Amino acid sequence: MPRQHVESPRGPAAIGPYSHAVWAGDLLYLSGQTPIDPSIGKLIDGDVEAQTHRVFDNLQAVVEDSGLSMDDVIKCNVYLTDMGNFPSMNAAYQARFTRPYPARTTVAVAGLPLGALVEIELVAKRP
């Protein structure tokens, strides 16, 4: 089965050879997003909370351009360069979802593209 990819005109341009998202049946797998402002193609300034909100703006654009909403998200993987930033990321995260929350994994990594503090990838399901 060929990949059914999604390229969001509102999301930041890919900085590598990947699609914004790929459909697999009723599941939509979104590539990780960093806090790049799509209007200028550069990482935003700000703390991890501001960067997390920008990441979710980017992810939401891809989700919506795929015909879904953030209520259709079932799984999130969060990557932080410093677990000390977890409370600030968590505050921004909680502002983006309502109960029941998606499943989530959060891990610390040695580094992220362009020096980002946070990267998030999602899986959503067609209702």
PDB file of N, CA and C in Angstrom:
ATOM      1  N   MET A   1       0.847  -1.176   0.000  1.00  0.00           N
ATOM      2  CA  MET A   1       0.000   0.000   0.000  1.00  0.00           C
ATOM      3  C   MET A   1       0.896   1.244   0.000  1.00  0.00           C
ATOM      4  N   PRO A   2       0.720   2.159  -0.950  1.00  0.00           N
ATOM      5  CA  PRO A   2       1.547   3.367  -0.982  1.00  0.00           C
ATOM      6  C   PRO A   2       1.213   4.291   0.193  1.00  0.00           C
ATOM      7  N   ARG A   3       2.218   5.038   0.616  1.00  0.00           N
ATOM      8  CA  ARG A   3       1.997   6.002   1.693  1.00  0.00           C
ATOM      9  C   ARG A   3       1.036   7.079   1.219  1.00  0.00           C
ATOM     10  N   GLN A   4       0.139   7.454   2.101  1.00  0.00           N
ATOM     11  CA  GLN A   4      -0.747   8.587   1.831  1.00  0.00           C
ATOM     12  C   GLN A   4      -0.258   9.725   2.726  1.00  0.00           C
ATOM     13  N   HIS A   5       0.547  10.586   2.142  1.00  0.00           N
ATOM     14  CA  HIS A   5       1.168  11.624   2.951  1.00  0.00           C
ATOM     15  C   HIS A   5       0.329  12.884   3.003  1.00  0.00           C
ATOM     16  N   VAL A   6       0.606  13.679   4.014  1.00  0.00           N
ATOM     17  CA  VAL A   6      -0.048  14.972   4.213  1.00  0.00           C
ATOM     18  C   VAL A   6       1.042  16.023   4.296  1.00  0.00           C
ATOM     19  N   GLU A   7       0.908  17.058   3.516  1.00  0.00           N
ATOM     20  CA  GLU A   7       1.771  18.225   3.610  1.00  0.00           C
ATOM     21  C   GLU A   7       0.877  19.409   3.925  1.00  0.00           C
ATOM     22  N   SER A   8       1.062  19.998   5.074  1.00  0.00           N
ATOM     23  CA  SER A   8       0.239  21.129   5.501  1.00  0.00           C
ATOM     24  C   SER A   8       0.801  22.431   4.952  1.00  0.00           C
ATOM     25  N   PRO A   9      -0.008  23.205   4.247  1.00  0.00           N
ATOM     26  CA  PRO A   9       0.488  24.500   3.771  1.00  0.00           C
ATOM     27  C   PRO A   9       0.695  25.489   4.923  1.00  0.00           C
ATOM     28  N   ARG A  10       0.111  25.192   6.095  1.00  0.00           N
ATOM     29  CA  ARG A  10       0.253  26.091   7.244  1.00  0.00           C
ATOM     30  C   ARG A  10       1.367  25.658   8.190  1.00  0.00           C
ATOM     31  N   GLY A  11       1.898  24.454   8.005  1.00  0.00           N
ATOM     32  CA  GLY A  11       2.976  23.974   8.866  1.00  0.00           C
ATOM     33  C   GLY A  11       4.317  24.444   8.357  1.00  0.00           C
ATOM     34  N   PRO A  12       5.340  24.390   9.218  1.00  0.00           N
ATOM     35  CA  PRO A  12       6.673  24.782   8.755  1.00  0.00           C
ATOM     36  C   PRO A  12       7.206  23.802   7.724  1.00  0.00           C
ATOM     37  N   ALA A  13       8.001  24.295   6.819  1.00  0.00           N
ATOM     38  CA  ALA A  13       8.610  23.428   5.811  1.00  0.00           C
ATOM     39  C   ALA A  13       9.473  22.382   6.494  1.00  0.00           C
ATOM     40  N   ALA A  14       9.429  21.181   5.980  1.00  0.00           N
ATOM     41  CA  ALA A  14      10.245  20.098   6.526  1.00  0.00           C
ATOM     42  C   ALA A  14      11.721  20.448   6.388  1.00  0.00           C
ATOM     43  N   ILE A  15      12.508  20.142   7.434  1.00  0.00           N
ATOM     44  CA  ILE A  15      13.945  20.408   7.375  1.00  0.00           C
ATOM     45  C   ILE A  15      14.716  19.134   7.048  1.00  0.00           C
ATOM     46  N   GLY A  16      14.007  18.170   6.498  1.00  0.00           N
ATOM     47  CA  GLY A  16      14.627  16.915   6.107  1.00  0.00           C
ATOM     48  C   GLY A  16      13.696  16.156   5.184  1.00  0.00           C
ATOM     49  N   PRO A  17      14.071  14.935   4.810  1.00  0.00           N
ATOM     50  CA  PRO A  17      13.252  14.137   3.891  1.00  0.00           C
ATOM     51  C   PRO A  17      12.142  13.379   4.625  1.00  0.00           C
ATOM     52  N   TYR A  18      11.099  14.110   5.010  1.00  0.00           N
ATOM     53  CA  TYR A  18       9.959  13.495   5.685  1.00  0.00           C
ATOM     54  C   TYR A  18       8.679  14.248   5.350  1.00  0.00           C
ATOM     55  N   SER A  19       7.551  13.589   5.568  1.00  0.00           N
ATOM     56  CA  SER A  19       6.234  14.195   5.378  1.00  0.00           C
ATOM     57  C   SER A  19       5.762  14.767   6.705  1.00  0.00           C
ATOM     58  N   HIS A  20       4.905  15.776   6.637  1.00  0.00           N
ATOM     59  CA  HIS A  20       4.296  16.279   7.870  1.00  0.00           C
ATOM     60  C   HIS A  20       3.535  15.167   8.586  1.00  0.00           C
ATOM     61  N   ALA A  21       2.854  14.330   7.805  1.00  0.00           N
ATOM     62  CA  ALA A  21       2.088  13.222   8.384  1.00  0.00           C
ATOM     63  C   ALA A  21       1.862  12.166   7.313  1.00  0.00           C
ATOM     64  N   VAL A  22       1.533  10.965   7.780  1.00  0.00           N
ATOM     65  CA  VAL A  22       1.233   9.855   6.882  1.00  0.00           C
ATOM     66  C   VAL A  22       0.019   9.116   7.427  1.00  0.00           C
ATOM     67  N   TRP A  23      -0.947   8.854   6.552  1.00  0.00           N
ATOM     68  CA  TRP A  23      -2.112   8.043   6.908  1.00  0.00           C
ATOM     69  C   TRP A  23      -1.772   6.562   6.796  1.00  0.00           C
ATOM     70  N   ALA A  24      -2.228   5.783   7.770  1.00  0.00           N
ATOM     71  CA  ALA A  24      -2.169   4.317   7.735  1.00  0.00           C
ATOM     72  C   ALA A  24      -3.553   3.843   8.166  1.00  0.00           C
ATOM     73  N   GLY A  25      -4.409   3.603   7.195  1.00  0.00           N
ATOM     74  CA  GLY A  25      -5.803   3.283   7.516  1.00  0.00           C
ATOM     75  C   GLY A  25      -6.459   4.485   8.160  1.00  0.00           C
ATOM     76  N   ASP A  26      -7.029   4.291   9.352  1.00  0.00           N
ATOM     77  CA  ASP A  26      -7.678   5.388  10.069  1.00  0.00           C
ATOM     78  C   ASP A  26      -6.738   6.117  11.016  1.00  0.00           C
ATOM     79  N   LEU A  27      -5.474   5.733  11.029  1.00  0.00           N
ATOM     80  CA  LEU A  27      -4.505   6.374  11.909  1.00  0.00           C
ATOM     81  C   LEU A  27      -3.663   7.376  11.128  1.00  0.00           C
ATOM     82  N   LEU A  28      -3.452   8.524  11.739  1.00  0.00           N
ATOM     83  CA  LEU A  28      -2.617   9.571  11.170  1.00  0.00           C
ATOM     84  C   LEU A  28      -1.385   9.721  12.060  1.00  0.00           C
ATOM     85  N   TYR A  29      -0.224   9.438  11.493  1.00  0.00           N
ATOM     86  CA  TYR A  29       1.038   9.555  12.213  1.00  0.00           C
ATOM     87  C   TYR A  29       1.697  10.869  11.824  1.00  0.00           C
ATOM     88  N   LEU A  30       1.868  11.752  12.802  1.00  0.00           N
ATOM     89  CA  LEU A  30       2.495  13.044  12.536  1.00  0.00           C
ATOM     90  C   LEU A  30       3.969  13.002  12.897  1.00  0.00           C
ATOM     91  N   SER A  31       4.794  13.532  12.013  1.00  0.00           N
ATOM     92  CA  SER A  31       6.217  13.677  12.308  1.00  0.00           C
ATOM     93  C   SER A  31       6.393  14.641  13.464  1.00  0.00           C
ATOM     94  N   GLY A  32       7.508  14.489  14.166  1.00  0.00           N
ATOM     95  CA  GLY A  32       7.800  15.411  15.253  1.00  0.00           C
ATOM     96  C   GLY A  32       7.926  16.831  14.735  1.00  0.00           C
ATOM     97  N   GLN A  33       7.416  17.751  15.528  1.00  0.00           N
ATOM     98  CA  GLN A  33       7.519  19.170  15.203  1.00  0.00           C
ATOM     99  C   GLN A  33       8.329  19.856  16.283  1.00  0.00           C
ATOM    100  N   THR A  34       9.140  20.803  15.858  1.00  0.00           N
ATOM    101  CA  THR A  34       9.875  21.669  16.765  1.00  0.00           C
ATOM    102  C   THR A  34       9.238  23.056  16.692  1.00  0.00           C
ATOM    103  N   PRO A  35       9.653  23.976  17.564  1.00  0.00           N
ATOM    104  CA  PRO A  35       9.013  25.299  17.602  1.00  0.00           C
ATOM    105  C   PRO A  35       9.493  26.255  16.521  1.00  0.00           C
ATOM    106  N   ILE A  36       9.311  25.842  15.286  1.00  0.00           N
ATOM    107  CA  ILE A  36       9.669  26.696  14.152  1.00  0.00           C
ATOM    108  C   ILE A  36       8.461  27.536  13.767  1.00  0.00           C
ATOM    109  N   ASP A  37       8.678  28.824  13.629  1.00  0.00           N
ATOM    110  CA  ASP A  37       7.635  29.726  13.151  1.00  0.00           C
ATOM    111  C   ASP A  37       7.554  29.549  11.638  1.00  0.00           C
ATOM    112  N   PRO A  38       6.426  29.015  11.114  1.00  0.00           N
ATOM    113  CA  PRO A  38       6.368  28.743   9.674  1.00  0.00           C
ATOM    114  C   PRO A  38       6.447  29.993   8.802  1.00  0.00           C
ATOM    115  N   SER A  39       6.130  31.159   9.359  1.00  0.00           N
ATOM    116  CA  SER A  39       6.162  32.369   8.537  1.00  0.00           C
ATOM    117  C   SER A  39       7.588  32.822   8.230  1.00  0.00           C
ATOM    118  N   ILE A  40       8.544  32.439   9.078  1.00  0.00           N
ATOM    119  CA  ILE A  40       9.934  32.848   8.846  1.00  0.00           C
ATOM    120  C   ILE A  40      10.888  31.654   8.735  1.00  0.00           C
ATOM    121  N   GLY A  41      10.388  30.457   9.067  1.00  0.00           N
ATOM    122  CA  GLY A  41      11.203  29.253   8.948  1.00  0.00           C
ATOM    123  C   GLY A  41      12.322  29.154   9.963  1.00  0.00           C
ATOM    124  N   LYS A  42      12.163  29.840  11.083  1.00  0.00           N
ATOM    125  CA  LYS A  42      13.198  29.820  12.120  1.00  0.00           C
ATOM    126  C   LYS A  42      12.598  29.455  13.465  1.00  0.00           C
ATOM    127  N   LEU A  43      13.436  28.908  14.337  1.00  0.00           N
ATOM    128  CA  LEU A  43      13.058  28.579  15.701  1.00  0.00           C
ATOM    129  C   LEU A  43      12.663  29.851  16.442  1.00  0.00           C
ATOM    130  N   ILE A  44      11.572  29.783  17.207  1.00  0.00           N
ATOM    131  CA  ILE A  44      11.154  30.960  17.969  1.00  0.00           C
ATOM    132  C   ILE A  44      12.049  31.143  19.187  1.00  0.00           C
ATOM    133  N   ASP A  45      12.110  32.370  19.676  1.00  0.00           N
ATOM    134  CA  ASP A  45      12.752  32.639  20.959  1.00  0.00           C
ATOM    135  C   ASP A  45      11.750  32.290  22.041  1.00  0.00           C
ATOM    136  N   GLY A  46      12.228  32.031  23.228  1.00  0.00           N
ATOM    137  CA  GLY A  46      11.328  31.804  24.338  1.00  0.00           C
ATOM    138  C   GLY A  46      11.673  30.567  25.124  1.00  0.00           C
ATOM    139  N   ASP A  47      11.023  30.466  26.277  1.00  0.00           N
ATOM    140  CA  ASP A  47      11.235  29.341  27.177  1.00  0.00           C
ATOM    141  C   ASP A  47      10.488  28.118  26.669  1.00  0.00           C
ATOM    142  N   VAL A  48      10.589  27.035  27.403  1.00  0.00           N
ATOM    143  CA  VAL A  48       9.993  25.779  26.946  1.00  0.00           C
ATOM    144  C   VAL A  48       8.471  25.878  26.853  1.00  0.00           C
ATOM    145  N   GLU A  49       7.830  26.673  27.700  1.00  0.00           N
ATOM    146  CA  GLU A  49       6.372  26.811  27.615  1.00  0.00           C
ATOM    147  C   GLU A  49       5.974  27.490  26.306  1.00  0.00           C
ATOM    148  N   ALA A  50       6.653  28.574  25.949  1.00  0.00           N
ATOM    149  CA  ALA A  50       6.378  29.258  24.679  1.00  0.00           C
ATOM    150  C   ALA A  50       6.686  28.338  23.507  1.00  0.00           C
ATOM    151  N   GLN A  51       7.804  27.601  23.598  1.00  0.00           N
ATOM    152  CA  GLN A  51       8.151  26.694  22.514  1.00  0.00           C
ATOM    153  C   GLN A  51       7.131  25.563  22.388  1.00  0.00           C
ATOM    154  N   THR A  52       6.634  25.061  23.507  1.00  0.00           N
ATOM    155  CA  THR A  52       5.623  23.994  23.461  1.00  0.00           C
ATOM    156  C   THR A  52       4.352  24.488  22.784  1.00  0.00           C
ATOM    157  N   HIS A  53       3.930  25.697  23.090  1.00  0.00           N
ATOM    158  CA  HIS A  53       2.736  26.250  22.421  1.00  0.00           C
ATOM    159  C   HIS A  53       2.963  26.369  20.911  1.00  0.00           C
ATOM    160  N   ARG A  54       4.161  26.801  20.491  1.00  0.00           N
ATOM    161  CA  ARG A  54       4.448  26.914  19.057  1.00  0.00           C
ATOM    162  C   ARG A  54       4.439  25.538  18.403  1.00  0.00           C
ATOM    163  N   VAL A  55       5.000  24.539  19.080  1.00  0.00           N
ATOM    164  CA  VAL A  55       4.977  23.169  18.561  1.00  0.00           C
ATOM    165  C   VAL A  55       3.534  22.723  18.358  1.00  0.00           C
ATOM    166  N   PHE A  56       2.676  22.973  19.360  1.00  0.00           N
ATOM    167  CA  PHE A  56       1.276  22.566  19.218  1.00  0.00           C
ATOM    168  C   PHE A  56       0.560  23.352  18.130  1.00  0.00           C
ATOM    169  N   ASP A  57       0.908  24.614  17.914  1.00  0.00           N
ATOM    170  CA  ASP A  57       0.330  25.363  16.786  1.00  0.00           C
ATOM    171  C   ASP A  57       0.680  24.664  15.475  1.00  0.00           C
ATOM    172  N   ASN A  58       1.934  24.229  15.348  1.00  0.00           N
ATOM    173  CA  ASN A  58       2.377  23.546  14.130  1.00  0.00           C
ATOM    174  C   ASN A  58       1.663  22.206  13.960  1.00  0.00           C
ATOM    175  N   LEU A  59       1.591  21.439  15.046  1.00  0.00           N
ATOM    176  CA  LEU A  59       0.914  20.138  14.980  1.00  0.00           C
ATOM    177  C   LEU A  59      -0.570  20.296  14.669  1.00  0.00           C
ATOM    178  N   GLN A  60      -1.206  21.267  15.296  1.00  0.00           N
ATOM    179  CA  GLN A  60      -2.633  21.483  15.070  1.00  0.00           C
ATOM    180  C   GLN A  60      -2.911  21.832  13.613  1.00  0.00           C
ATOM    181  N   ALA A  61      -2.041  22.601  12.999  1.00  0.00           N
ATOM    182  CA  ALA A  61      -2.211  22.934  11.578  1.00  0.00           C
ATOM    183  C   ALA A  61      -2.215  21.667  10.739  1.00  0.00           C
ATOM    184  N   VAL A  62      -1.303  20.749  11.007  1.00  0.00           N
ATOM    185  CA  VAL A  62      -1.228  19.503  10.241  1.00  0.00           C
ATOM    186  C   VAL A  62      -2.461  18.635  10.514  1.00  0.00           C
ATOM    187  N   VAL A  63      -2.843  18.536  11.772  1.00  0.00           N
ATOM    188  CA  VAL A  63      -4.034  17.749  12.135  1.00  0.00           C
ATOM    189  C   VAL A  63      -5.264  18.294  11.417  1.00  0.00           C
ATOM    190  N   GLU A  64      -5.465  19.592  11.482  1.00  0.00           N
ATOM    191  CA  GLU A  64      -6.644  20.208  10.855  1.00  0.00           C
ATOM    192  C   GLU A  64      -6.587  20.109   9.333  1.00  0.00           C
ATOM    193  N   ASP A  65      -5.413  20.273   8.750  1.00  0.00           N
ATOM    194  CA  ASP A  65      -5.291  20.154   7.296  1.00  0.00           C
ATOM    195  C   ASP A  65      -5.486  18.712   6.834  1.00  0.00           C
ATOM    196  N   SER A  66      -5.493  17.787   7.779  1.00  0.00           N
ATOM    197  CA  SER A  66      -5.781  16.374   7.490  1.00  0.00           C
ATOM    198  C   SER A  66      -7.248  16.043   7.703  1.00  0.00           C
ATOM    199  N   GLY A  67      -8.045  17.040   8.093  1.00  0.00           N
ATOM    200  CA  GLY A  67      -9.474  16.832   8.294  1.00  0.00           C
ATOM    201  C   GLY A  67      -9.854  16.365   9.686  1.00  0.00           C
ATOM    202  N   LEU A  68      -8.924  16.465  10.638  1.00  0.00           N
ATOM    203  CA  LEU A  68      -9.191  16.033  12.012  1.00  0.00           C
ATOM    204  C   LEU A  68      -9.091  17.226  12.948  1.00  0.00           C
ATOM    205  N   SER A  69      -9.299  16.967  14.236  1.00  0.00           N
ATOM    206  CA  SER A  69      -9.119  18.002  15.250  1.00  0.00           C
ATOM    207  C   SER A  69      -8.219  17.447  16.350  1.00  0.00           C
ATOM    208  N   MET A  70      -7.797  18.311  17.243  1.00  0.00           N
ATOM    209  CA  MET A  70      -6.951  17.867  18.346  1.00  0.00           C
ATOM    210  C   MET A  70      -7.693  16.887  19.257  1.00  0.00           C
ATOM    211  N   ASP A  71      -9.003  16.873  19.213  1.00  0.00           N
ATOM    212  CA  ASP A  71      -9.779  15.887  19.979  1.00  0.00           C
ATOM    213  C   ASP A  71      -9.588  14.476  19.428  1.00  0.00           C
ATOM    214  N   ASP A  72      -9.057  14.355  18.218  1.00  0.00           N
ATOM    215  CA  ASP A  72      -8.821  13.045  17.604  1.00  0.00           C
ATOM    216  C   ASP A  72      -7.435  12.478  17.927  1.00  0.00           C
ATOM    217  N   VAL A  73      -6.622  13.234  18.659  1.00  0.00           N
ATOM    218  CA  VAL A  73      -5.278  12.785  19.020  1.00  0.00           C
ATOM    219  C   VAL A  73      -5.388  11.701  20.094  1.00  0.00           C
ATOM    220  N   ILE A  74      -4.693  10.579  19.866  1.00  0.00           N
ATOM    221  CA  ILE A  74      -4.750   9.473  20.826  1.00  0.00           C
ATOM    222  C   ILE A  74      -3.411   9.224  21.514  1.00  0.00           C
ATOM    223  N   LYS A  75      -2.310   9.726  20.970  1.00  0.00           N
ATOM    224  CA  LYS A  75      -0.989   9.465  21.556  1.00  0.00           C
ATOM    225  C   LYS A  75      -0.041  10.614  21.257  1.00  0.00           C
ATOM    226  N   CYS A  76       0.727  11.006  22.255  1.00  0.00           N
ATOM    227  CA  CYS A  76       1.747  12.039  22.098  1.00  0.00           C
ATOM    228  C   CYS A  76       3.074  11.514  22.618  1.00  0.00           C
ATOM    229  N   ASN A  77       4.128  11.801  21.902  1.00  0.00           N
ATOM    230  CA  ASN A  77       5.489  11.539  22.372  1.00  0.00           C
ATOM    231  C   ASN A  77       6.178  12.891  22.467  1.00  0.00           C
ATOM    232  N   VAL A  78       6.663  13.203  23.666  1.00  0.00           N
ATOM    233  CA  VAL A  78       7.298  14.492  23.937  1.00  0.00           C
ATOM    234  C   VAL A  78       8.773  14.252  24.214  1.00  0.00           C
ATOM    235  N   TYR A  79       9.618  15.067  23.586  1.00  0.00           N
ATOM    236  CA  TYR A  79      11.055  14.985  23.769  1.00  0.00           C
ATOM    237  C   TYR A  79      11.547  16.315  24.330  1.00  0.00           C
ATOM    238  N   LEU A  80      12.190  16.265  25.487  1.00  0.00           N
ATOM    239  CA  LEU A  80      12.725  17.455  26.148  1.00  0.00           C
ATOM    240  C   LEU A  80      14.236  17.343  26.270  1.00  0.00           C
ATOM    241  N   THR A  81      14.929  18.458  26.112  1.00  0.00           N
ATOM    242  CA  THR A  81      16.378  18.437  26.309  1.00  0.00           C
ATOM    243  C   THR A  81      16.737  18.545  27.785  1.00  0.00           C
ATOM    244  N   ASP A  82      15.755  18.891  28.633  1.00  0.00           N
ATOM    245  CA  ASP A  82      15.994  19.027  30.067  1.00  0.00           C
ATOM    246  C   ASP A  82      14.712  18.665  30.810  1.00  0.00           C
ATOM    247  N   MET A  83      14.742  17.581  31.587  1.00  0.00           N
ATOM    248  CA  MET A  83      13.540  17.180  32.328  1.00  0.00           C
ATOM    249  C   MET A  83      13.155  18.193  33.403  1.00  0.00           C
ATOM    250  N   GLY A  84      14.046  19.114  33.722  1.00  0.00           N
ATOM    251  CA  GLY A  84      13.693  20.215  34.609  1.00  0.00           C
ATOM    252  C   GLY A  84      12.635  21.119  34.001  1.00  0.00           C
ATOM    253  N   ASN A  85      12.472  21.047  32.668  1.00  0.00           N
ATOM    254  CA  ASN A  85      11.456  21.829  31.964  1.00  0.00           C
ATOM    255  C   ASN A  85      10.098  21.135  31.928  1.00  0.00           C
ATOM    256  N   PHE A  86      10.008  19.943  32.529  1.00  0.00           N
ATOM    257  CA  PHE A  86       8.756  19.183  32.462  1.00  0.00           C
ATOM    258  C   PHE A  86       7.548  19.978  32.979  1.00  0.00           C
ATOM    259  N   PRO A  87       7.603  20.639  34.150  1.00  0.00           N
ATOM    260  CA  PRO A  87       6.411  21.363  34.620  1.00  0.00           C
ATOM    261  C   PRO A  87       5.920  22.435  33.642  1.00  0.00           C
ATOM    262  N   SER A  88       6.837  23.173  33.041  1.00  0.00           N
ATOM    263  CA  SER A  88       6.430  24.219  32.087  1.00  0.00           C
ATOM    264  C   SER A  88       5.846  23.620  30.818  1.00  0.00           C
ATOM    265  N   MET A  89       6.475  22.544  30.315  1.00  0.00           N
ATOM    266  CA  MET A  89       5.919  21.864  29.140  1.00  0.00           C
ATOM    267  C   MET A  89       4.541  21.313  29.477  1.00  0.00           C
ATOM    268  N   ASN A  90       4.406  20.714  30.656  1.00  0.00           N
ATOM    269  CA  ASN A  90       3.155  20.096  31.057  1.00  0.00           C
ATOM    270  C   ASN A  90       2.021  21.120  31.154  1.00  0.00           C
ATOM    271  N   ALA A  91       2.325  22.325  31.618  1.00  0.00           N
ATOM    272  CA  ALA A  91       1.311  23.386  31.703  1.00  0.00           C
ATOM    273  C   ALA A  91       0.801  23.750  30.309  1.00  0.00           C
ATOM    274  N   ALA A  92       1.722  23.892  29.352  1.00  0.00           N
ATOM    275  CA  ALA A  92       1.316  24.201  27.979  1.00  0.00           C
ATOM    276  C   ALA A  92       0.551  23.036  27.371  1.00  0.00           C
ATOM    277  N   TYR A  93       1.015  21.822  27.630  1.00  0.00           N
ATOM    278  CA  TYR A  93       0.364  20.609  27.127  1.00  0.00           C
ATOM    279  C   TYR A  93      -1.076  20.528  27.626  1.00  0.00           C
ATOM    280  N   GLN A  94      -1.259  20.726  28.923  1.00  0.00           N
ATOM    281  CA  GLN A  94      -2.593  20.611  29.521  1.00  0.00           C
ATOM    282  C   GLN A  94      -3.563  21.639  28.938  1.00  0.00           C
ATOM    283  N   ALA A  95      -3.049  22.789  28.531  1.00  0.00           N
ATOM    284  CA  ALA A  95      -3.903  23.822  27.937  1.00  0.00           C
ATOM    285  C   ALA A  95      -4.407  23.429  26.552  1.00  0.00           C
ATOM    286  N   ARG A  96      -3.797  22.419  25.925  1.00  0.00           N
ATOM    287  CA  ARG A  96      -4.146  22.036  24.554  1.00  0.00           C
ATOM    288  C   ARG A  96      -5.114  20.868  24.458  1.00  0.00           C
ATOM    289  N   PHE A  97      -5.345  20.164  25.556  1.00  0.00           N
ATOM    290  CA  PHE A  97      -6.216  18.988  25.521  1.00  0.00           C
ATOM    291  C   PHE A  97      -7.235  19.042  26.646  1.00  0.00           C
ATOM    292  N   THR A  98      -8.331  18.318  26.450  1.00  0.00           N
ATOM    293  CA  THR A  98      -9.335  18.151  27.492  1.00  0.00           C
ATOM    294  C   THR A  98      -9.425  16.675  27.847  1.00  0.00           C
ATOM    295  N   ARG A  99     -10.036  16.380  28.953  1.00  0.00           N
ATOM    296  CA  ARG A  99     -10.219  14.989  29.377  1.00  0.00           C
ATOM    297  C   ARG A  99     -11.158  14.284  28.430  1.00  0.00           C
ATOM    298  N   PRO A 100     -10.955  13.044  28.133  1.00  0.00           N
ATOM    299  CA  PRO A 100      -9.817  12.232  28.539  1.00  0.00           C
ATOM    300  C   PRO A 100      -8.594  12.598  27.701  1.00  0.00           C
ATOM    301  N   TYR A 101      -7.467  12.771  28.382  1.00  0.00           N
ATOM    302  CA  TYR A 101      -6.237  13.165  27.709  1.00  0.00           C
ATOM    303  C   TYR A 101      -5.696  12.029  26.851  1.00  0.00           C
ATOM    304  N   PRO A 102      -4.964  12.370  25.784  1.00  0.00           N
ATOM    305  CA  PRO A 102      -4.293  11.324  25.004  1.00  0.00           C
ATOM    306  C   PRO A 102      -3.251  10.604  25.867  1.00  0.00           C
ATOM    307  N   ALA A 103      -2.897   9.406  25.482  1.00  0.00           N
ATOM    308  CA  ALA A 103      -1.755   8.728  26.097  1.00  0.00           C
ATOM    309  C   ALA A 103      -0.511   9.554  25.778  1.00  0.00           C
ATOM    310  N   ARG A 104       0.484   9.486  26.683  1.00  0.00           N
ATOM    311  CA  ARG A 104       1.671  10.315  26.458  1.00  0.00           C
ATOM    312  C   ARG A 104       2.913   9.638  27.026  1.00  0.00           C
ATOM    313  N   THR A 105       4.018   9.846  26.334  1.00  0.00           N
ATOM    314  CA  THR A 105       5.340   9.480  26.810  1.00  0.00           C
ATOM    315  C   THR A 105       6.197  10.732  26.741  1.00  0.00           C
ATOM    316  N   THR A 106       6.995  10.989  27.781  1.00  0.00           N
ATOM    317  CA  THR A 106       7.918  12.116  27.774  1.00  0.00           C
ATOM    318  C   THR A 106       9.304  11.586  28.124  1.00  0.00           C
ATOM    319  N   VAL A 107      10.267  11.898  27.287  1.00  0.00           N
ATOM    320  CA  VAL A 107      11.636  11.441  27.518  1.00  0.00           C
ATOM    321  C   VAL A 107      12.609  12.610  27.357  1.00  0.00           C
ATOM    322  N   ALA A 108      13.754  12.469  28.018  1.00  0.00           N
ATOM    323  CA  ALA A 108      14.827  13.444  27.864  1.00  0.00           C
ATOM    324  C   ALA A 108      15.762  12.971  26.752  1.00  0.00           C
ATOM    325  N   VAL A 109      16.222  13.908  25.962  1.00  0.00           N
ATOM    326  CA  VAL A 109      17.145  13.612  24.867  1.00  0.00           C
ATOM    327  C   VAL A 109      18.360  14.525  24.977  1.00  0.00           C
ATOM    328  N   ALA A 110      19.445  14.123  24.345  1.00  0.00           N
ATOM    329  CA  ALA A 110      20.689  14.894  24.420  1.00  0.00           C
ATOM    330  C   ALA A 110      20.602  16.195  23.630  1.00  0.00           C
ATOM    331  N   GLY A 111      19.802  16.239  22.589  1.00  0.00           N
ATOM    332  CA  GLY A 111      19.690  17.436  21.765  1.00  0.00           C
ATOM    333  C   GLY A 111      18.576  17.286  20.753  1.00  0.00           C
ATOM    334  N   LEU A 112      18.124  18.425  20.233  1.00  0.00           N
ATOM    335  CA  LEU A 112      17.064  18.453  19.221  1.00  0.00           C
ATOM    336  C   LEU A 112      17.495  19.362  18.072  1.00  0.00           C
ATOM    337  N   PRO A 113      16.869  19.203  16.897  1.00  0.00           N
ATOM    338  CA  PRO A 113      17.242  20.029  15.744  1.00  0.00           C
ATOM    339  C   PRO A 113      17.167  21.527  16.054  1.00  0.00           C
ATOM    340  N   LEU A 114      18.149  22.244  15.552  1.00  0.00           N
ATOM    341  CA  LEU A 114      18.230  23.704  15.637  1.00  0.00           C
ATOM    342  C   LEU A 114      18.317  24.234  17.066  1.00  0.00           C
ATOM    343  N   GLY A 115      18.586  23.360  18.037  1.00  0.00           N
ATOM    344  CA  GLY A 115      18.690  23.799  19.425  1.00  0.00           C
ATOM    345  C   GLY A 115      17.356  23.950  20.132  1.00  0.00           C
ATOM    346  N   ALA A 116      16.305  23.345  19.595  1.00  0.00           N
ATOM    347  CA  ALA A 116      14.984  23.412  20.232  1.00  0.00           C
ATOM    348  C   ALA A 116      15.035  22.791  21.623  1.00  0.00           C
ATOM    349  N   LEU A 117      14.154  23.257  22.502  1.00  0.00           N
ATOM    350  CA  LEU A 117      14.038  22.699  23.850  1.00  0.00           C
ATOM    351  C   LEU A 117      13.041  21.557  23.907  1.00  0.00           C
ATOM    352  N   VAL A 118      12.134  21.483  22.907  1.00  0.00           N
ATOM    353  CA  VAL A 118      11.066  20.490  22.917  1.00  0.00           C
ATOM    354  C   VAL A 118      10.717  20.092  21.488  1.00  0.00           C
ATOM    355  N   GLU A 119      10.363  18.836  21.321  1.00  0.00           N
ATOM    356  CA  GLU A 119       9.819  18.314  20.065  1.00  0.00           C
ATOM    357  C   GLU A 119       8.681  17.368  20.444  1.00  0.00           C
ATOM    358  N   ILE A 120       7.608  17.392  19.673  1.00  0.00           N
ATOM    359  CA  ILE A 120       6.447  16.542  19.961  1.00  0.00           C
ATOM    360  C   ILE A 120       5.964  15.902  18.672  1.00  0.00           C
ATOM    361  N   GLU A 121       5.624  14.614  18.765  1.00  0.00           N
ATOM    362  CA  GLU A 121       4.996  13.905  17.657  1.00  0.00           C
ATOM    363  C   GLU A 121       3.653  13.365  18.156  1.00  0.00           C
ATOM    364  N   LEU A 122       2.722  13.168  17.227  1.00  0.00           N
ATOM    365  CA  LEU A 122       1.371  12.746  17.573  1.00  0.00           C
ATOM    366  C   LEU A 122       0.908  11.580  16.708  1.00  0.00           C
ATOM    367  N   VAL A 123      -0.075  10.872  17.250  1.00  0.00           N
ATOM    368  CA  VAL A 123      -0.864   9.911  16.472  1.00  0.00           C
ATOM    369  C   VAL A 123      -2.313  10.311  16.700  1.00  0.00           C
ATOM    370  N   ALA A 124      -3.065  10.432  15.619  1.00  0.00           N
ATOM    371  CA  ALA A 124      -4.490  10.743  15.699  1.00  0.00           C
ATOM    372  C   ALA A 124      -5.265   9.660  14.963  1.00  0.00           C
ATOM    373  N   LYS A 125      -6.562   9.554  15.294  1.00  0.00           N
ATOM    374  CA  LYS A 125      -7.406   8.532  14.694  1.00  0.00           C
ATOM    375  C   LYS A 125      -8.655   9.176  14.129  1.00  0.00           C
ATOM    376  N   ARG A 126      -8.980   8.766  12.914  1.00  0.00           N
ATOM    377  CA  ARG A 126     -10.209   9.239  12.279  1.00  0.00           C
ATOM    378  C   ARG A 126     -11.391   8.740  13.101  1.00  0.00           C
ATOM    379  N   PRO A 127     -12.357   9.624  13.393  1.00  0.00           N
ATOM    380  CA  PRO A 127     -13.521   9.184  14.208  1.00  0.00           C
ATOM    381  C   PRO A 127     -14.353   8.128  13.516  1.00  0.00           C
TER     382      PRO A 127
END
